[in-house]
Amino acid sequence: MALRATLAPLSVTEKMYHYSAIVDNTLDRVTTKCYASRMADTLSIRLEDRDRDVLERAAKLQGTGLSAFIRELAHGEARRIRREEIRAEGDRIVAYLKTHPEAAAEIEEYGTPDESLP
C-alpha cells in the first residue's frame, strides 16, 4: 500500500496499455475456462464434398478428427473477432478522449497502442 502511494499516477495512455493487456489476458483465461467448463450446443453444418475432403486431410495431418479440427478453427476465429471488437472499442475510446483537451495532450505526447500488441 505504501509503495503505491509513492508511485506517480498513470497517464491516460499508460492506462490504455494496461487495460489492453488485462483485456487480452482475461479474454484468454475466460475463453479457456468457458470452453473447458461448458460445451456449447451441437452445431450442424453442410459442406461441399471437396471442402470436407480438404478439411479431413488437414485434420488427419494434425492427428485430430474433423469435428475437433473445425471446432479449433471456429474457436480461433471467434477469438480473432472478439479481439477486433475490443480494439474497435479502444479506438472509440481514444476518439472520445481526443475531444477532451487534457487527455488529447497526453495522447499527442505518448501516442496510442499500436497493432503489434497481442
PDB file of N, CA and C in Angstrom:
ATOM      1  N   MET A   1       0.823  -1.185   0.000  1.00  0.00           N
ATOM      2  CA  MET A   1       0.000   0.000   0.000  1.00  0.00           C
ATOM      3  C   MET A   1       0.872   1.257   0.000  1.00  0.00           C
ATOM      4  N   ALA A   2       1.875   1.269   0.839  1.00  0.00           N
ATOM      5  CA  ALA A   2       2.754   2.427   0.903  1.00  0.00           C
ATOM      6  C   ALA A   2       3.508   2.614  -0.409  1.00  0.00           C
ATOM      7  N   LEU A   3       3.885   1.516  -1.044  1.00  0.00           N
ATOM      8  CA  LEU A   3       4.599   1.590  -2.306  1.00  0.00           C
ATOM      9  C   LEU A   3       3.733   2.263  -3.362  1.00  0.00           C
ATOM     10  N   ARG A   4       2.478   1.916  -3.447  1.00  0.00           N
ATOM     11  CA  ARG A   4       1.577   2.507  -4.435  1.00  0.00           C
ATOM     12  C   ARG A   4       1.448   4.015  -4.230  1.00  0.00           C
ATOM     13  N   ALA A   5       1.482   4.448  -2.996  1.00  0.00           N
ATOM     14  CA  ALA A   5       1.351   5.880  -2.703  1.00  0.00           C
ATOM     15  C   ALA A   5       2.547   6.664  -3.226  1.00  0.00           C
ATOM     16  N   THR A   6       3.703   6.010  -3.361  1.00  0.00           N
ATOM     17  CA  THR A   6       4.891   6.720  -3.823  1.00  0.00           C
ATOM     18  C   THR A   6       4.990   6.755  -5.336  1.00  0.00           C
ATOM     19  N   LEU A   7       4.194   5.968  -6.033  1.00  0.00           N
ATOM     20  CA  LEU A   7       4.245   5.950  -7.484  1.00  0.00           C
ATOM     21  C   LEU A   7       3.431   7.086  -8.073  1.00  0.00           C
ATOM     22  N   ALA A   8       3.902   7.617  -9.187  1.00  0.00           N
ATOM     23  CA  ALA A   8       3.157   8.667  -9.869  1.00  0.00           C
ATOM     24  C   ALA A   8       1.898   8.063 -10.487  1.00  0.00           C
ATOM     25  N   PRO A   9       0.827   8.820 -10.589  1.00  0.00           N
ATOM     26  CA  PRO A   9      -0.387   8.291 -11.207  1.00  0.00           C
ATOM     27  C   PRO A   9      -0.126   7.948 -12.674  1.00  0.00           C
ATOM     28  N   LEU A  10      -0.848   6.966 -13.170  1.00  0.00           N
ATOM     29  CA  LEU A  10      -0.695   6.558 -14.563  1.00  0.00           C
ATOM     30  C   LEU A  10      -1.315   7.589 -15.487  1.00  0.00           C
ATOM     31  N   SER A  11      -0.670   7.827 -16.621  1.00  0.00           N
ATOM     32  CA  SER A  11      -1.249   8.719 -17.619  1.00  0.00           C
ATOM     33  C   SER A  11      -2.381   7.981 -18.330  1.00  0.00           C
ATOM     34  N   VAL A  12      -3.151   8.701 -19.103  1.00  0.00           N
ATOM     35  CA  VAL A  12      -4.246   8.088 -19.858  1.00  0.00           C
ATOM     36  C   VAL A  12      -3.700   7.006 -20.784  1.00  0.00           C
ATOM     37  N   THR A  13      -2.597   7.292 -21.454  1.00  0.00           N
ATOM     38  CA  THR A  13      -2.022   6.328 -22.380  1.00  0.00           C
ATOM     39  C   THR A  13      -1.536   5.085 -21.649  1.00  0.00           C
ATOM     40  N   GLU A  14      -0.874   5.266 -20.512  1.00  0.00           N
ATOM     41  CA  GLU A  14      -0.420   4.113 -19.730  1.00  0.00           C
ATOM     42  C   GLU A  14      -1.602   3.279 -19.274  1.00  0.00           C
ATOM     43  N   LYS A  15      -2.688   3.929 -18.908  1.00  0.00           N
ATOM     44  CA  LYS A  15      -3.892   3.196 -18.518  1.00  0.00           C
ATOM     45  C   LYS A  15      -4.433   2.394 -19.687  1.00  0.00           C
ATOM     46  N   MET A  16      -4.376   2.977 -20.897  1.00  0.00           N
ATOM     47  CA  MET A  16      -4.875   2.270 -22.085  1.00  0.00           C
ATOM     48  C   MET A  16      -4.024   1.036 -22.363  1.00  0.00           C
ATOM     49  N   TYR A  17      -2.699   1.153 -22.279  1.00  0.00           N
ATOM     50  CA  TYR A  17      -1.831  -0.004 -22.479  1.00  0.00           C
ATOM     51  C   TYR A  17      -2.127  -1.074 -21.430  1.00  0.00           C
ATOM     52  N   HIS A  18      -2.253  -0.653 -20.189  1.00  0.00           N
ATOM     53  CA  HIS A  18      -2.531  -1.578 -19.093  1.00  0.00           C
ATOM     54  C   HIS A  18      -3.876  -2.267 -19.318  1.00  0.00           C
ATOM     55  N   TYR A  19      -4.901  -1.495 -19.672  1.00  0.00           N
ATOM     56  CA  TYR A  19      -6.231  -2.037 -19.924  1.00  0.00           C
ATOM     57  C   TYR A  19      -6.192  -3.051 -21.054  1.00  0.00           C
ATOM     58  N   SER A  20      -5.486  -2.725 -22.133  1.00  0.00           N
ATOM     59  CA  SER A  20      -5.395  -3.624 -23.285  1.00  0.00           C
ATOM     60  C   SER A  20      -4.780  -4.958 -22.893  1.00  0.00           C
ATOM     61  N   ALA A  21      -3.704  -4.925 -22.105  1.00  0.00           N
ATOM     62  CA  ALA A  21      -3.053  -6.166 -21.671  1.00  0.00           C
ATOM     63  C   ALA A  21      -3.970  -6.976 -20.763  1.00  0.00           C
ATOM     64  N   ILE A  22      -4.676  -6.297 -19.867  1.00  0.00           N
ATOM     65  CA  ILE A  22      -5.591  -7.008 -18.961  1.00  0.00           C
ATOM     66  C   ILE A  22      -6.710  -7.656 -19.753  1.00  0.00           C
ATOM     67  N   VAL A  23      -7.276  -6.931 -20.712  1.00  0.00           N
ATOM     68  CA  VAL A  23      -8.380  -7.469 -21.502  1.00  0.00           C
ATOM     69  C   VAL A  23      -7.922  -8.689 -22.290  1.00  0.00           C
ATOM     70  N   ASP A  24      -6.773  -8.599 -22.954  1.00  0.00           N
ATOM     71  CA  ASP A  24      -6.280  -9.733 -23.733  1.00  0.00           C
ATOM     72  C   ASP A  24      -6.023 -10.949 -22.849  1.00  0.00           C
ATOM     73  N   ASN A  25      -5.364 -10.742 -21.705  1.00  0.00           N
ATOM     74  CA  ASN A  25      -5.082 -11.858 -20.807  1.00  0.00           C
ATOM     75  C   ASN A  25      -6.369 -12.431 -20.224  1.00  0.00           C
ATOM     76  N   THR A  26      -7.296 -11.573 -19.838  1.00  0.00           N
ATOM     77  CA  THR A  26      -8.565 -12.030 -19.287  1.00  0.00           C
ATOM     78  C   THR A  26      -9.353 -12.785 -20.343  1.00  0.00           C
ATOM     79  N   LEU A  27      -9.345 -12.281 -21.562  1.00  0.00           N
ATOM     80  CA  LEU A  27     -10.055 -12.937 -22.647  1.00  0.00           C
ATOM     81  C   LEU A  27      -9.539 -14.351 -22.848  1.00  0.00           C
ATOM     82  N   ASP A  28      -8.223 -14.521 -22.817  1.00  0.00           N
ATOM     83  CA  ASP A  28      -7.648 -15.858 -22.965  1.00  0.00           C
ATOM     84  C   ASP A  28      -8.108 -16.782 -21.847  1.00  0.00           C
ATOM     85  N   ARG A  29      -8.072 -16.295 -20.594  1.00  0.00           N
ATOM     86  CA  ARG A  29      -8.468 -17.129 -19.450  1.00  0.00           C
ATOM     87  C   ARG A  29      -9.958 -17.440 -19.474  1.00  0.00           C
ATOM     88  N   VAL A  30     -10.777 -16.436 -19.761  1.00  0.00           N
ATOM     89  CA  VAL A  30     -12.227 -16.640 -19.766  1.00  0.00           C
ATOM     90  C   VAL A  30     -12.617 -17.599 -20.869  1.00  0.00           C
ATOM     91  N   THR A  31     -12.048 -17.421 -22.042  1.00  0.00           N
ATOM     92  CA  THR A  31     -12.362 -18.311 -23.150  1.00  0.00           C
ATOM     93  C   THR A  31     -11.995 -19.742 -22.792  1.00  0.00           C
ATOM     94  N   THR A  32     -10.807 -19.933 -22.223  1.00  0.00           N
ATOM     95  CA  THR A  32     -10.374 -21.274 -21.848  1.00  0.00           C
ATOM     96  C   THR A  32     -11.285 -21.865 -20.777  1.00  0.00           C
ATOM     97  N   LYS A  33     -11.621 -21.068 -19.751  1.00  0.00           N
ATOM     98  CA  LYS A  33     -12.475 -21.572 -18.679  1.00  0.00           C
ATOM     99  C   LYS A  33     -13.870 -21.907 -19.194  1.00  0.00           C
ATOM    100  N   CYS A  34     -14.435 -21.021 -19.998  1.00  0.00           N
ATOM    101  CA  CYS A  34     -15.784 -21.268 -20.517  1.00  0.00           C
ATOM    102  C   CYS A  34     -15.794 -22.507 -21.399  1.00  0.00           C
ATOM    103  N   TYR A  35     -14.788 -22.630 -22.229  1.00  0.00           N
ATOM    104  CA  TYR A  35     -14.728 -23.761 -23.140  1.00  0.00           C
ATOM    105  C   TYR A  35     -14.556 -25.061 -22.362  1.00  0.00           C
ATOM    106  N   ALA A  36     -13.740 -25.034 -21.308  1.00  0.00           N
ATOM    107  CA  ALA A  36     -13.485 -26.232 -20.524  1.00  0.00           C
ATOM    108  C   ALA A  36     -14.668 -26.586 -19.632  1.00  0.00           C
ATOM    109  N   SER A  37     -15.422 -25.588 -19.172  1.00  0.00           N
ATOM    110  CA  SER A  37     -16.472 -25.864 -18.212  1.00  0.00           C
ATOM    111  C   SER A  37     -17.808 -26.194 -18.861  1.00  0.00           C
ATOM    112  N   ARG A  38     -18.050 -25.734 -20.069  1.00  0.00           N
ATOM    113  CA  ARG A  38     -19.350 -25.977 -20.684  1.00  0.00           C
ATOM    114  C   ARG A  38     -19.192 -26.100 -22.185  1.00  0.00           C
ATOM    115  N   MET A  39     -19.628 -27.217 -22.707  1.00  0.00           N
ATOM    116  CA  MET A  39     -19.615 -27.400 -24.147  1.00  0.00           C
ATOM    117  C   MET A  39     -20.912 -26.815 -24.700  1.00  0.00           C
ATOM    118  N   ALA A  40     -20.824 -26.046 -25.752  1.00  0.00           N
ATOM    119  CA  ALA A  40     -21.995 -25.418 -26.345  1.00  0.00           C
ATOM    120  C   ALA A  40     -22.893 -26.468 -27.004  1.00  0.00           C
ATOM    121  N   ASP A  41     -24.061 -26.018 -27.415  1.00  0.00           N
ATOM    122  CA  ASP A  41     -24.976 -26.903 -28.128  1.00  0.00           C
ATOM    123  C   ASP A  41     -24.341 -27.352 -29.433  1.00  0.00           C
ATOM    124  N   THR A  42     -24.836 -28.448 -29.936  1.00  0.00           N
ATOM    125  CA  THR A  42     -24.334 -29.002 -31.190  1.00  0.00           C
ATOM    126  C   THR A  42     -24.665 -28.065 -32.349  1.00  0.00           C
ATOM    127  N   LEU A  43     -23.727 -27.935 -33.253  1.00  0.00           N
ATOM    128  CA  LEU A  43     -23.896 -27.117 -34.441  1.00  0.00           C
ATOM    129  C   LEU A  43     -23.731 -28.026 -35.647  1.00  0.00           C
ATOM    130  N   SER A  44     -24.695 -28.032 -36.529  1.00  0.00           N
ATOM    131  CA  SER A  44     -24.604 -28.834 -37.746  1.00  0.00           C
ATOM    132  C   SER A  44     -24.328 -27.912 -38.919  1.00  0.00           C
ATOM    133  N   ILE A  45     -23.401 -28.306 -39.764  1.00  0.00           N
ATOM    134  CA  ILE A  45     -23.090 -27.518 -40.961  1.00  0.00           C
ATOM    135  C   ILE A  45     -23.048 -28.444 -42.165  1.00  0.00           C
ATOM    136  N   ARG A  46     -23.332 -27.902 -43.304  1.00  0.00           N
ATOM    137  CA  ARG A  46     -23.244 -28.657 -44.550  1.00  0.00           C
ATOM    138  C   ARG A  46     -22.025 -28.150 -45.308  1.00  0.00           C
ATOM    139  N   LEU A  47     -21.221 -29.092 -45.755  1.00  0.00           N
ATOM    140  CA  LEU A  47     -20.021 -28.754 -46.520  1.00  0.00           C
ATOM    141  C   LEU A  47     -20.092 -29.422 -47.887  1.00  0.00           C
ATOM    142  N   GLU A  48     -19.532 -28.749 -48.843  1.00  0.00           N
ATOM    143  CA  GLU A  48     -19.372 -29.406 -50.146  1.00  0.00           C
ATOM    144  C   GLU A  48     -18.361 -30.521 -49.975  1.00  0.00           C
ATOM    145  N   ASP A  49     -18.476 -31.544 -50.785  1.00  0.00           N
ATOM    146  CA  ASP A  49     -17.596 -32.708 -50.664  1.00  0.00           C
ATOM    147  C   ASP A  49     -16.122 -32.328 -50.742  1.00  0.00           C
ATOM    148  N   ARG A  50     -15.784 -31.452 -51.688  1.00  0.00           N
ATOM    149  CA  ARG A  50     -14.363 -31.099 -51.840  1.00  0.00           C
ATOM    150  C   ARG A  50     -13.843 -30.339 -50.618  1.00  0.00           C
ATOM    151  N   ASP A  51     -14.693 -29.486 -50.025  1.00  0.00           N
ATOM    152  CA  ASP A  51     -14.282 -28.759 -48.816  1.00  0.00           C
ATOM    153  C   ASP A  51     -14.095 -29.729 -47.649  1.00  0.00           C
ATOM    154  N   ARG A  52     -15.019 -30.648 -47.501  1.00  0.00           N
ATOM    155  CA  ARG A  52     -14.921 -31.633 -46.422  1.00  0.00           C
ATOM    156  C   ARG A  52     -13.651 -32.477 -46.585  1.00  0.00           C
ATOM    157  N   ASP A  53     -13.345 -32.875 -47.821  1.00  0.00           N
ATOM    158  CA  ASP A  53     -12.137 -33.672 -48.063  1.00  0.00           C
ATOM    159  C   ASP A  53     -10.880 -32.907 -47.657  1.00  0.00           C
ATOM    160  N   VAL A  54     -10.834 -31.618 -48.010  1.00  0.00           N
ATOM    161  CA  VAL A  54      -9.676 -30.785 -47.657  1.00  0.00           C
ATOM    162  C   VAL A  54      -9.539 -30.703 -46.143  1.00  0.00           C
ATOM    163  N   LEU A  55     -10.650 -30.445 -45.464  1.00  0.00           N
ATOM    164  CA  LEU A  55     -10.619 -30.312 -44.004  1.00  0.00           C
ATOM    165  C   LEU A  55     -10.272 -31.640 -43.328  1.00  0.00           C
ATOM    166  N   GLU A  56     -10.787 -32.744 -43.843  1.00  0.00           N
ATOM    167  CA  GLU A  56     -10.450 -34.062 -43.273  1.00  0.00           C
ATOM    168  C   GLU A  56      -8.964 -34.358 -43.415  1.00  0.00           C
ATOM    169  N   ARG A  57      -8.397 -34.017 -44.579  1.00  0.00           N
ATOM    170  CA  ARG A  57      -6.951 -34.240 -44.768  1.00  0.00           C
ATOM    171  C   ARG A  57      -6.149 -33.389 -43.785  1.00  0.00           C
ATOM    172  N   ALA A  58      -6.538 -32.140 -43.636  1.00  0.00           N
ATOM    173  CA  ALA A  58      -5.828 -31.243 -42.718  1.00  0.00           C
ATOM    174  C   ALA A  58      -5.950 -31.748 -41.282  1.00  0.00           C
ATOM    175  N   ALA A  59      -7.131 -32.219 -40.918  1.00  0.00           N
ATOM    176  CA  ALA A  59      -7.344 -32.749 -39.562  1.00  0.00           C
ATOM    177  C   ALA A  59      -6.475 -33.980 -39.338  1.00  0.00           C
ATOM    178  N   LYS A  60      -6.432 -34.832 -40.322  1.00  0.00           N
ATOM    179  CA  LYS A  60      -5.632 -36.062 -40.199  1.00  0.00           C
ATOM    180  C   LYS A  60      -4.152 -35.729 -40.034  1.00  0.00           C
ATOM    181  N   LEU A  61      -3.675 -34.718 -40.766  1.00  0.00           N
ATOM    182  CA  LEU A  61      -2.272 -34.303 -40.636  1.00  0.00           C
ATOM    183  C   LEU A  61      -1.961 -33.824 -39.221  1.00  0.00           C
ATOM    184  N   GLN A  62      -2.948 -33.248 -38.555  1.00  0.00           N
ATOM    185  CA  GLN A  62      -2.753 -32.772 -37.186  1.00  0.00           C
ATOM    186  C   GLN A  62      -3.082 -33.842 -36.152  1.00  0.00           C
ATOM    187  N   GLY A  63      -3.540 -34.994 -36.629  1.00  0.00           N
ATOM    188  CA  GLY A  63      -3.847 -36.084 -35.708  1.00  0.00           C
ATOM    189  C   GLY A  63      -5.142 -35.887 -34.931  1.00  0.00           C
ATOM    190  N   THR A  64      -6.067 -35.135 -35.514  1.00  0.00           N
ATOM    191  CA  THR A  64      -7.356 -34.927 -34.856  1.00  0.00           C
ATOM    192  C   THR A  64      -8.489 -35.329 -35.783  1.00  0.00           C
ATOM    193  N   GLY A  65      -9.668 -35.422 -35.232  1.00  0.00           N
ATOM    194  CA  GLY A  65     -10.845 -35.701 -36.036  1.00  0.00           C
ATOM    195  C   GLY A  65     -11.357 -34.434 -36.680  1.00  0.00           C
ATOM    196  N   LEU A  66     -12.266 -34.611 -37.623  1.00  0.00           N
ATOM    197  CA  LEU A  66     -12.800 -33.466 -38.354  1.00  0.00           C
ATOM    198  C   LEU A  66     -13.529 -32.495 -37.422  1.00  0.00           C
ATOM    199  N   SER A  67     -14.351 -33.006 -36.515  1.00  0.00           N
ATOM    200  CA  SER A  67     -15.100 -32.125 -35.611  1.00  0.00           C
ATOM    201  C   SER A  67     -14.164 -31.301 -34.740  1.00  0.00           C
ATOM    202  N   ALA A  68     -13.164 -31.945 -34.168  1.00  0.00           N
ATOM    203  CA  ALA A  68     -12.215 -31.234 -33.303  1.00  0.00           C
ATOM    204  C   ALA A  68     -11.448 -30.186 -34.106  1.00  0.00           C
ATOM    205  N   PHE A  69     -11.085 -30.531 -35.325  1.00  0.00           N
ATOM    206  CA  PHE A  69     -10.344 -29.609 -36.181  1.00  0.00           C
ATOM    207  C   PHE A  69     -11.179 -28.369 -36.495  1.00  0.00           C
ATOM    208  N   ILE A  70     -12.435 -28.584 -36.896  1.00  0.00           N
ATOM    209  CA  ILE A  70     -13.314 -27.464 -37.231  1.00  0.00           C
ATOM    210  C   ILE A  70     -13.632 -26.646 -35.983  1.00  0.00           C
ATOM    211  N   ARG A  71     -13.785 -27.313 -34.842  1.00  0.00           N
ATOM    212  CA  ARG A  71     -14.041 -26.602 -33.587  1.00  0.00           C
ATOM    213  C   ARG A  71     -12.877 -25.666 -33.269  1.00  0.00           C
ATOM    214  N   GLU A  72     -11.652 -26.133 -33.453  1.00  0.00           N
ATOM    215  CA  GLU A  72     -10.476 -25.286 -33.205  1.00  0.00           C
ATOM    216  C   GLU A  72     -10.418 -24.117 -34.185  1.00  0.00           C
ATOM    217  N   LEU A  73     -10.761 -24.368 -35.450  1.00  0.00           N
ATOM    218  CA  LEU A  73     -10.800 -23.266 -36.420  1.00  0.00           C
ATOM    219  C   LEU A  73     -11.826 -22.213 -35.999  1.00  0.00           C
ATOM    220  N   ALA A  74     -13.013 -22.665 -35.606  1.00  0.00           N
ATOM    221  CA  ALA A  74     -14.069 -21.743 -35.195  1.00  0.00           C
ATOM    222  C   ALA A  74     -13.675 -20.992 -33.924  1.00  0.00           C
ATOM    223  N   HIS A  75     -13.055 -21.701 -32.989  1.00  0.00           N
ATOM    224  CA  HIS A  75     -12.622 -21.088 -31.735  1.00  0.00           C
ATOM    225  C   HIS A  75     -11.593 -19.984 -32.013  1.00  0.00           C
ATOM    226  N   GLY A  76     -10.640 -20.260 -32.861  1.00  0.00           N
ATOM    227  CA  GLY A  76      -9.623 -19.273 -33.216  1.00  0.00           C
ATOM    228  C   GLY A  76     -10.229 -18.058 -33.903  1.00  0.00           C
ATOM    229  N   GLU A  77     -11.185 -18.297 -34.783  1.00  0.00           N
ATOM    230  CA  GLU A  77     -11.835 -17.187 -35.474  1.00  0.00           C
ATOM    231  C   GLU A  77     -12.675 -16.359 -34.507  1.00  0.00           C
ATOM    232  N   ALA A  78     -13.359 -17.006 -33.578  1.00  0.00           N
ATOM    233  CA  ALA A  78     -14.151 -16.283 -32.577  1.00  0.00           C
ATOM    234  C   ALA A  78     -13.247 -15.393 -31.719  1.00  0.00           C
ATOM    235  N   ARG A  79     -12.087 -15.906 -31.313  1.00  0.00           N
ATOM    236  CA  ARG A  79     -11.127 -15.098 -30.542  1.00  0.00           C
ATOM    237  C   ARG A  79     -10.650 -13.902 -31.355  1.00  0.00           C
ATOM    238  N   ARG A  80     -10.377 -14.123 -32.641  1.00  0.00           N
ATOM    239  CA  ARG A  80      -9.915 -13.040 -33.500  1.00  0.00           C
ATOM    240  C   ARG A  80     -10.989 -11.953 -33.600  1.00  0.00           C
ATOM    241  N   ILE A  81     -12.234 -12.361 -33.770  1.00  0.00           N
ATOM    242  CA  ILE A  81     -13.332 -11.404 -33.874  1.00  0.00           C
ATOM    243  C   ILE A  81     -13.502 -10.638 -32.566  1.00  0.00           C
ATOM    244  N   ARG A  82     -13.436 -11.352 -31.421  1.00  0.00           N
ATOM    245  CA  ARG A  82     -13.563 -10.675 -30.125  1.00  0.00           C
ATOM    246  C   ARG A  82     -12.449  -9.648 -29.941  1.00  0.00           C
ATOM    247  N   ARG A  83     -11.229  -9.993 -30.324  1.00  0.00           N
ATOM    248  CA  ARG A  83     -10.117  -9.043 -30.194  1.00  0.00           C
ATOM    249  C   ARG A  83     -10.313  -7.839 -31.106  1.00  0.00           C
ATOM    250  N   GLU A  84     -10.826  -8.065 -32.315  1.00  0.00           N
ATOM    251  CA  GLU A  84     -11.143  -6.955 -33.214  1.00  0.00           C
ATOM    252  C   GLU A  84     -12.156  -6.020 -32.570  1.00  0.00           C
ATOM    253  N   GLU A  85     -13.177  -6.614 -31.928  1.00  0.00           N
ATOM    254  CA  GLU A  85     -14.193  -5.810 -31.253  1.00  0.00           C
ATOM    255  C   GLU A  85     -13.576  -4.998 -30.118  1.00  0.00           C
ATOM    256  N   ILE A  86     -12.681  -5.604 -29.359  1.00  0.00           N
ATOM    257  CA  ILE A  86     -12.009  -4.908 -28.254  1.00  0.00           C
ATOM    258  C   ILE A  86     -11.174  -3.754 -28.793  1.00  0.00           C
ATOM    259  N   ARG A  87     -10.442  -3.995 -29.865  1.00  0.00           N
ATOM    260  CA  ARG A  87      -9.628  -2.928 -30.456  1.00  0.00           C
ATOM    261  C   ARG A  87     -10.495  -1.803 -31.006  1.00  0.00           C
ATOM    262  N   ALA A  88     -11.626  -2.163 -31.615  1.00  0.00           N
ATOM    263  CA  ALA A  88     -12.544  -1.141 -32.130  1.00  0.00           C
ATOM    264  C   ALA A  88     -13.083  -0.293 -30.982  1.00  0.00           C
ATOM    265  N   GLU A  89     -13.389  -0.937 -29.866  1.00  0.00           N
ATOM    266  CA  GLU A  89     -13.848  -0.194 -28.688  1.00  0.00           C
ATOM    267  C   GLU A  89     -12.741   0.731 -28.192  1.00  0.00           C
ATOM    268  N   GLY A  90     -11.503   0.255 -28.197  1.00  0.00           N
ATOM    269  CA  GLY A  90     -10.369   1.095 -27.813  1.00  0.00           C
ATOM    270  C   GLY A  90     -10.235   2.304 -28.723  1.00  0.00           C
ATOM    271  N   ASP A  91     -10.448   2.095 -30.028  1.00  0.00           N
ATOM    272  CA  ASP A  91     -10.391   3.211 -30.976  1.00  0.00           C
ATOM    273  C   ASP A  91     -11.489   4.233 -30.675  1.00  0.00           C
ATOM    274  N   ARG A  92     -12.692   3.729 -30.330  1.00  0.00           N
ATOM    275  CA  ARG A  92     -13.785   4.649 -29.980  1.00  0.00           C
ATOM    276  C   ARG A  92     -13.439   5.440 -28.717  1.00  0.00           C
ATOM    277  N   ILE A  93     -12.795   4.774 -27.746  1.00  0.00           N
ATOM    278  CA  ILE A  93     -12.404   5.444 -26.507  1.00  0.00           C
ATOM    279  C   ILE A  93     -11.371   6.527 -26.797  1.00  0.00           C
ATOM    280  N   VAL A  94     -10.369   6.198 -27.616  1.00  0.00           N
ATOM    281  CA  VAL A  94      -9.340   7.186 -27.963  1.00  0.00           C
ATOM    282  C   VAL A  94      -9.973   8.373 -28.673  1.00  0.00           C
ATOM    283  N   ALA A  95     -10.901   8.112 -29.591  1.00  0.00           N
ATOM    284  CA  ALA A  95     -11.572   9.212 -30.294  1.00  0.00           C
ATOM    285  C   ALA A  95     -12.322  10.095 -29.303  1.00  0.00           C
ATOM    286  N   TYR A  96     -12.976   9.465 -28.338  1.00  0.00           N
ATOM    287  CA  TYR A  96     -13.693  10.233 -27.314  1.00  0.00           C
ATOM    288  C   TYR A  96     -12.711  11.038 -26.458  1.00  0.00           C
ATOM    289  N   LEU A  97     -11.610  10.401 -26.049  1.00  0.00           N
ATOM    290  CA  LEU A  97     -10.631  11.090 -25.214  1.00  0.00           C
ATOM    291  C   LEU A  97     -10.027  12.297 -25.935  1.00  0.00           C
ATOM    292  N   LYS A  98      -9.876  12.183 -27.241  1.00  0.00           N
ATOM    293  CA  LYS A  98      -9.292  13.287 -28.013  1.00  0.00           C
ATOM    294  C   LYS A  98     -10.170  14.524 -28.000  1.00  0.00           C
ATOM    295  N   THR A  99     -11.424  14.365 -27.588  1.00  0.00           N
ATOM    296  CA  THR A  99     -12.309  15.530 -27.511  1.00  0.00           C
ATOM    297  C   THR A  99     -12.101  16.311 -26.222  1.00  0.00           C
ATOM    298  N   HIS A 100     -11.292  15.763 -25.298  1.00  0.00           N
ATOM    299  CA  HIS A 100     -11.005  16.434 -24.028  1.00  0.00           C
ATOM    300  C   HIS A 100      -9.558  16.925 -24.049  1.00  0.00           C
ATOM    301  N   PRO A 101      -9.340  18.210 -23.854  1.00  0.00           N
ATOM    302  CA  PRO A 101      -8.006  18.803 -24.021  1.00  0.00           C
ATOM    303  C   PRO A 101      -6.891  18.110 -23.233  1.00  0.00           C
ATOM    304  N   GLU A 102      -7.115  17.809 -21.954  1.00  0.00           N
ATOM    305  CA  GLU A 102      -6.055  17.197 -21.139  1.00  0.00           C
ATOM    306  C   GLU A 102      -5.694  15.802 -21.658  1.00  0.00           C
ATOM    307  N   ALA A 103      -6.711  15.021 -21.951  1.00  0.00           N
ATOM    308  CA  ALA A 103      -6.462  13.677 -22.468  1.00  0.00           C
ATOM    309  C   ALA A 103      -5.838  13.739 -23.863  1.00  0.00           C
ATOM    310  N   ALA A 104      -6.318  14.662 -24.690  1.00  0.00           N
ATOM    311  CA  ALA A 104      -5.772  14.807 -26.041  1.00  0.00           C
ATOM    312  C   ALA A 104      -4.292  15.165 -25.990  1.00  0.00           C
ATOM    313  N   ALA A 105      -3.904  15.990 -25.014  1.00  0.00           N
ATOM    314  CA  ALA A 105      -2.491  16.361 -24.868  1.00  0.00           C
ATOM    315  C   ALA A 105      -1.645  15.139 -24.521  1.00  0.00           C
ATOM    316  N   GLU A 106      -2.150  14.298 -23.637  1.00  0.00           N
ATOM    317  CA  GLU A 106      -1.402  13.073 -23.284  1.00  0.00           C
ATOM    318  C   GLU A 106      -1.321  12.126 -24.469  1.00  0.00           C
ATOM    319  N   ILE A 107      -2.398  11.984 -25.201  1.00  0.00           N
ATOM    320  CA  ILE A 107      -2.384  11.107 -26.376  1.00  0.00           C
ATOM    321  C   ILE A 107      -1.385  11.632 -27.392  1.00  0.00           C
ATOM    322  N   GLU A 108      -1.375  12.946 -27.586  1.00  0.00           N
ATOM    323  CA  GLU A 108      -0.425  13.553 -28.522  1.00  0.00           C
ATOM    324  C   GLU A 108       1.020  13.309 -28.069  1.00  0.00           C
ATOM    325  N   GLU A 109       1.247  13.416 -26.771  1.00  0.00           N
ATOM    326  CA  GLU A 109       2.603  13.254 -26.230  1.00  0.00           C
ATOM    327  C   GLU A 109       3.055  11.793 -26.234  1.00  0.00           C
ATOM    328  N   TYR A 110       2.177  10.881 -25.787  1.00  0.00           N
ATOM    329  CA  TYR A 110       2.579   9.484 -25.604  1.00  0.00           C
ATOM    330  C   TYR A 110       2.145   8.555 -26.741  1.00  0.00           C
ATOM    331  N   GLY A 111       1.191   8.967 -27.533  1.00  0.00           N
ATOM    332  CA  GLY A 111       0.698   8.115 -28.601  1.00  0.00           C
ATOM    333  C   GLY A 111      -0.345   7.132 -28.092  1.00  0.00           C
ATOM    334  N   THR A 112      -0.712   6.196 -28.950  1.00  0.00           N
ATOM    335  CA  THR A 112      -1.711   5.178 -28.605  1.00  0.00           C
ATOM    336  C   THR A 112      -1.103   3.800 -28.850  1.00  0.00           C
ATOM    337  N   PRO A 113      -1.717   2.749 -28.301  1.00  0.00           N
ATOM    338  CA  PRO A 113      -1.197   1.402 -28.534  1.00  0.00           C
ATOM    339  C   PRO A 113      -1.150   1.099 -30.028  1.00  0.00           C
ATOM    340  N   ASP A 114      -0.134   0.361 -30.434  1.00  0.00           N
ATOM    341  CA  ASP A 114      -0.025   0.034 -31.846  1.00  0.00           C
ATOM    342  C   ASP A 114      -0.511  -1.382 -32.117  1.00  0.00           C
ATOM    343  N   GLU A 115      -0.529  -1.755 -33.362  1.00  0.00           N
ATOM    344  CA  GLU A 115      -1.055  -3.058 -33.773  1.00  0.00           C
ATOM    345  C   GLU A 115      -0.157  -4.229 -33.384  1.00  0.00           C
ATOM    346  N   SER A 116       1.041  -3.960 -32.882  1.00  0.00           N
ATOM    347  CA  SER A 116       1.943  -5.053 -32.525  1.00  0.00           C
ATOM    348  C   SER A 116       1.560  -5.694 -31.191  1.00  0.00           C
ATOM    349  N   LEU A 117       0.630  -5.071 -30.448  1.00  0.00           N
ATOM    350  CA  LEU A 117       0.201  -5.664 -29.192  1.00  0.00           C
ATOM    351  C   LEU A 117      -0.612  -6.928 -29.479  1.00  0.00           C
ATOM    352  N   PRO A 118      -0.546  -7.900 -28.565  1.00  0.00           N
ATOM    353  CA  PRO A 118      -1.287  -9.154 -28.819  1.00  0.00           C
ATOM    354  C   PRO A 118      -2.774  -8.951 -28.857  1.00  0.00           C
TER     355      PRO A 118
END
